[in-house]
Amino acid sequence: MYPPELVKPMREDLTAVGFEELHTVEAVENALAKEGTTLVVVNSVCGCAAANARPGARMSLDNDKKPDHLVTVFAGVDREATDKARSYMIPFPPSSPSMALFKDGQLVHMLERHHIEGRPAEMIAENLKDAYNENC
């Protein structure tokens, strides 16, 4: 587990633009039971989360179409919530950071760590915008 003061700015990177933090299994279940589209960001302390994933997620929201709900879990911090969120992402293996778009509780788009690592935030944002335009 990471100390709260270490992850606070990493959490705020997403919550400042409207992401809701999910800390419990029940919160994840409730979030993914909602109608409409939900973007789930599995946040992380790794460098590719800071350089690529979080900026890409933020930039993706500059789009006419966007998810109805924005939520995040933090790998290595909120273990049970993260495990539950990842259970909805099967058949994709657990990875962090990662991002998943759900429509009415069904997974419709997935970005795994290998889609994020080494790619610029702008490319990640464009990938997500394409998914929003198709599903939102």
C-alpha atoms as a PDB file:
ATOM      1  CA  MET A   1       0.000   0.000   0.000  1.00  0.00           C
ATOM      2  CA  TYR A   2       1.162   3.490  -0.820  1.00  0.00           C
ATOM      3  CA  PRO A   3       0.988   6.318   1.723  1.00  0.00           C
ATOM      4  CA  PRO A   4      -2.008   8.632   1.203  1.00  0.00           C
ATOM      5  CA  GLU A   5       0.186  11.713   0.870  1.00  0.00           C
ATOM      6  CA  LEU A   6       2.069  10.081  -2.018  1.00  0.00           C
ATOM      7  CA  VAL A   7      -1.015   9.223  -4.075  1.00  0.00           C
ATOM      8  CA  LYS A   8      -3.055  12.333  -3.232  1.00  0.00           C
ATOM      9  CA  PRO A   9      -1.816  14.407  -6.212  1.00  0.00           C
ATOM     10  CA  MET A  10      -2.211  11.383  -8.497  1.00  0.00           C
ATOM     11  CA  ARG A  11      -5.816  10.969  -7.371  1.00  0.00           C
ATOM     12  CA  GLU A  12      -6.474  14.694  -7.775  1.00  0.00           C
ATOM     13  CA  ASP A  13      -5.172  14.537 -11.338  1.00  0.00           C
ATOM     14  CA  LEU A  14      -8.458  12.786 -12.192  1.00  0.00           C
ATOM     15  CA  THR A  15     -10.864  13.990  -9.518  1.00  0.00           C
ATOM     16  CA  ALA A  16     -10.129  17.611 -10.472  1.00  0.00           C
ATOM     17  CA  VAL A  17     -11.743  16.960 -13.878  1.00  0.00           C
ATOM     18  CA  GLY A  18     -14.782  15.115 -12.550  1.00  0.00           C
ATOM     19  CA  PHE A  19     -13.745  11.521 -11.903  1.00  0.00           C
ATOM     20  CA  GLU A  20     -15.345   9.887  -8.867  1.00  0.00           C
ATOM     21  CA  GLU A  21     -13.041   7.740  -6.765  1.00  0.00           C
ATOM     22  CA  LEU A  22     -14.320   4.263  -5.972  1.00  0.00           C
ATOM     23  CA  HIS A  23     -12.849   2.831  -2.778  1.00  0.00           C
ATOM     24  CA  THR A  24     -15.058  -0.212  -2.156  1.00  0.00           C
ATOM     25  CA  VAL A  25     -16.444  -3.234  -3.958  1.00  0.00           C
ATOM     26  CA  GLU A  26     -19.954  -1.893  -3.417  1.00  0.00           C
ATOM     27  CA  ALA A  27     -19.042   1.462  -4.980  1.00  0.00           C
ATOM     28  CA  VAL A  28     -17.694  -0.312  -8.084  1.00  0.00           C
ATOM     29  CA  GLU A  29     -20.802  -2.492  -8.360  1.00  0.00           C
ATOM     30  CA  ASN A  30     -23.072   0.549  -8.043  1.00  0.00           C
ATOM     31  CA  ALA A  31     -21.080   2.563 -10.586  1.00  0.00           C
ATOM     32  CA  LEU A  32     -21.142  -0.181 -13.199  1.00  0.00           C
ATOM     33  CA  ALA A  33     -24.844  -0.880 -12.638  1.00  0.00           C
ATOM     34  CA  LYS A  34     -25.748   2.609 -13.848  1.00  0.00           C
ATOM     35  CA  GLU A  35     -27.352   3.108 -17.236  1.00  0.00           C
ATOM     36  CA  GLY A  36     -25.365   4.923 -19.874  1.00  0.00           C
ATOM     37  CA  THR A  37     -21.646   4.979 -20.443  1.00  0.00           C
ATOM     38  CA  THR A  38     -18.990   4.794 -17.761  1.00  0.00           C
ATOM     39  CA  LEU A  39     -15.249   5.294 -18.167  1.00  0.00           C
ATOM     40  CA  VAL A  40     -13.210   3.431 -15.558  1.00  0.00           C
ATOM     41  CA  VAL A  41      -9.573   4.460 -15.142  1.00  0.00           C
ATOM     42  CA  VAL A  42      -7.377   2.085 -13.168  1.00  0.00           C
ATOM     43  CA  ASN A  43      -4.936   4.641 -11.789  1.00  0.00           C
ATOM     44  CA  SER A  44      -1.366   3.829 -10.824  1.00  0.00           C
ATOM     45  CA  VAL A  45       1.817   5.357  -9.424  1.00  0.00           C
ATOM     46  CA  CYS A  46       3.866   4.277 -12.439  1.00  0.00           C
ATOM     47  CA  GLY A  47       5.447   6.717 -14.824  1.00  0.00           C
ATOM     48  CA  CYS A  48       3.206   5.812 -17.746  1.00  0.00           C
ATOM     49  CA  ALA A  49       0.165   6.711 -15.642  1.00  0.00           C
ATOM     50  CA  ALA A  50       1.635  10.152 -14.970  1.00  0.00           C
ATOM     51  CA  ALA A  51       2.966  10.828 -18.459  1.00  0.00           C
ATOM     52  CA  ASN A  52       0.384   9.114 -20.615  1.00  0.00           C
ATOM     53  CA  ALA A  53      -2.714   7.647 -18.947  1.00  0.00           C
ATOM     54  CA  ARG A  54      -3.984  10.433 -16.706  1.00  0.00           C
ATOM     55  CA  PRO A  55      -3.226  13.210 -19.220  1.00  0.00           C
ATOM     56  CA  GLY A  56      -4.806  11.127 -21.993  1.00  0.00           C
ATOM     57  CA  ALA A  57      -7.936  10.526 -19.931  1.00  0.00           C
ATOM     58  CA  ARG A  58      -8.207  14.243 -19.137  1.00  0.00           C
ATOM     59  CA  MET A  59      -7.658  15.297 -22.764  1.00  0.00           C
ATOM     60  CA  SER A  60     -10.231  12.793 -23.993  1.00  0.00           C
ATOM     61  CA  LEU A  61     -12.945  14.762 -22.223  1.00  0.00           C
ATOM     62  CA  ASP A  62     -12.456  17.617 -24.693  1.00  0.00           C
ATOM     63  CA  ASN A  63     -14.944  16.014 -27.068  1.00  0.00           C
ATOM     64  CA  ASP A  64     -18.579  16.575 -28.027  1.00  0.00           C
ATOM     65  CA  LYS A  65     -19.481  13.065 -26.915  1.00  0.00           C
ATOM     66  CA  LYS A  66     -18.179  11.792 -23.596  1.00  0.00           C
ATOM     67  CA  PRO A  67     -19.123   9.199 -20.996  1.00  0.00           C
ATOM     68  CA  ASP A  68     -22.059   9.814 -18.693  1.00  0.00           C
ATOM     69  CA  HIS A  69     -20.014   8.694 -15.696  1.00  0.00           C
ATOM     70  CA  LEU A  70     -16.291   8.990 -14.911  1.00  0.00           C
ATOM     71  CA  VAL A  71     -14.847   6.775 -12.192  1.00  0.00           C
ATOM     72  CA  THR A  72     -11.434   5.649 -11.029  1.00  0.00           C
ATOM     73  CA  VAL A  73      -9.889   3.009  -8.801  1.00  0.00           C
ATOM     74  CA  PHE A  74      -6.287   3.111  -7.627  1.00  0.00           C
ATOM     75  CA  ALA A  75      -4.154  -0.010  -8.072  1.00  0.00           C
ATOM     76  CA  GLY A  76      -1.954  -0.680  -5.062  1.00  0.00           C
ATOM     77  CA  VAL A  77      -4.184   1.432  -2.831  1.00  0.00           C
ATOM     78  CA  ASP A  78      -7.833   0.390  -3.097  1.00  0.00           C
ATOM     79  CA  ARG A  79      -7.141  -3.299  -3.636  1.00  0.00           C
ATOM     80  CA  GLU A  80     -10.663  -4.726  -3.283  1.00  0.00           C
ATOM     81  CA  ALA A  81     -12.245  -2.002  -5.430  1.00  0.00           C
ATOM     82  CA  THR A  82      -9.545  -2.429  -8.084  1.00  0.00           C
ATOM     83  CA  ASP A  83      -9.966  -6.211  -8.124  1.00  0.00           C
ATOM     84  CA  LYS A  84     -13.722  -5.803  -8.507  1.00  0.00           C
ATOM     85  CA  ALA A  85     -13.363  -3.293 -11.345  1.00  0.00           C
ATOM     86  CA  ARG A  86     -10.926  -5.624 -13.092  1.00  0.00           C
ATOM     87  CA  SER A  87     -13.412  -8.488 -12.774  1.00  0.00           C
ATOM     88  CA  TYR A  88     -15.696  -6.542 -15.118  1.00  0.00           C
ATOM     89  CA  MET A  89     -12.837  -6.228 -17.615  1.00  0.00           C
ATOM     90  CA  ILE A  90     -12.396  -9.966 -18.187  1.00  0.00           C
ATOM     91  CA  PRO A  91     -11.149 -11.434 -20.563  1.00  0.00           C
ATOM     92  CA  PHE A  92      -8.440  -8.762 -20.389  1.00  0.00           C
ATOM     93  CA  PRO A  93      -5.727  -9.526 -17.827  1.00  0.00           C
ATOM     94  CA  PRO A  94      -5.208  -7.104 -14.940  1.00  0.00           C
ATOM     95  CA  SER A  95      -2.974  -4.193 -15.818  1.00  0.00           C
ATOM     96  CA  SER A  96      -2.364  -0.741 -14.516  1.00  0.00           C
ATOM     97  CA  PRO A  97      -2.815   1.778 -15.677  1.00  0.00           C
ATOM     98  CA  SER A  98      -5.732   0.779 -17.838  1.00  0.00           C
ATOM     99  CA  MET A  99      -9.007   2.261 -19.024  1.00  0.00           C
ATOM    100  CA  ALA A 100     -12.304   0.630 -19.829  1.00  0.00           C
ATOM    101  CA  LEU A 101     -15.467   2.054 -21.325  1.00  0.00           C
ATOM    102  CA  PHE A 102     -18.725   0.412 -20.337  1.00  0.00           C
ATOM    103  CA  LYS A 103     -22.156   0.895 -21.876  1.00  0.00           C
ATOM    104  CA  ASP A 104     -25.069  -0.146 -19.677  1.00  0.00           C
ATOM    105  CA  GLY A 105     -22.639  -2.248 -17.635  1.00  0.00           C
ATOM    106  CA  GLN A 106     -21.117  -4.045 -20.631  1.00  0.00           C
ATOM    107  CA  LEU A 107     -17.464  -3.610 -21.602  1.00  0.00           C
ATOM    108  CA  VAL A 108     -17.285  -1.964 -25.043  1.00  0.00           C
ATOM    109  CA  HIS A 109     -13.698  -0.640 -25.200  1.00  0.00           C
ATOM    110  CA  MET A 110     -10.464  -1.452 -23.394  1.00  0.00           C
ATOM    111  CA  LEU A 111      -7.039   0.157 -23.202  1.00  0.00           C
ATOM    112  CA  GLU A 112      -4.511  -2.070 -21.471  1.00  0.00           C
ATOM    113  CA  ARG A 113      -1.155  -0.945 -20.145  1.00  0.00           C
ATOM    114  CA  HIS A 114       0.574  -2.054 -23.354  1.00  0.00           C
ATOM    115  CA  HIS A 115      -1.730   0.333 -25.283  1.00  0.00           C
ATOM    116  CA  ILE A 116      -0.712   3.176 -22.937  1.00  0.00           C
ATOM    117  CA  GLU A 117       2.958   2.645 -22.158  1.00  0.00           C
ATOM    118  CA  GLY A 118       5.225   4.495 -24.587  1.00  0.00           C
ATOM    119  CA  ARG A 119       2.358   6.216 -26.393  1.00  0.00           C
ATOM    120  CA  PRO A 120       1.767   9.943 -26.153  1.00  0.00           C
ATOM    121  CA  ALA A 121      -1.203  11.188 -24.154  1.00  0.00           C
ATOM    122  CA  GLU A 122      -2.652  12.722 -27.320  1.00  0.00           C
ATOM    123  CA  MET A 123      -2.811   9.296 -28.982  1.00  0.00           C
ATOM    124  CA  ILE A 124      -4.526   7.810 -25.935  1.00  0.00           C
ATOM    125  CA  ALA A 125      -7.015  10.687 -25.903  1.00  0.00           C
ATOM    126  CA  GLU A 126      -7.805  10.167 -29.593  1.00  0.00           C
ATOM    127  CA  ASN A 127      -8.341   6.452 -29.010  1.00  0.00           C
ATOM    128  CA  LEU A 128     -10.794   7.228 -26.217  1.00  0.00           C
ATOM    129  CA  LYS A 129     -12.559   9.930 -28.235  1.00  0.00           C
ATOM    130  CA  ASP A 130     -13.128   7.417 -31.036  1.00  0.00           C
ATOM    131  CA  ALA A 131     -14.680   5.047 -28.478  1.00  0.00           C
ATOM    132  CA  TYR A 132     -16.866   7.859 -27.088  1.00  0.00           C
ATOM    133  CA  ASN A 133     -18.019   8.835 -30.572  1.00  0.00           C
ATOM    134  CA  GLU A 134     -19.025   5.257 -31.262  1.00  0.00           C
ATOM    135  CA  ASN A 135     -20.606   4.401 -27.905  1.00  0.00           C
ATOM    136  CA  CYS A 136     -21.717   7.577 -26.115  1.00  0.00           C
END
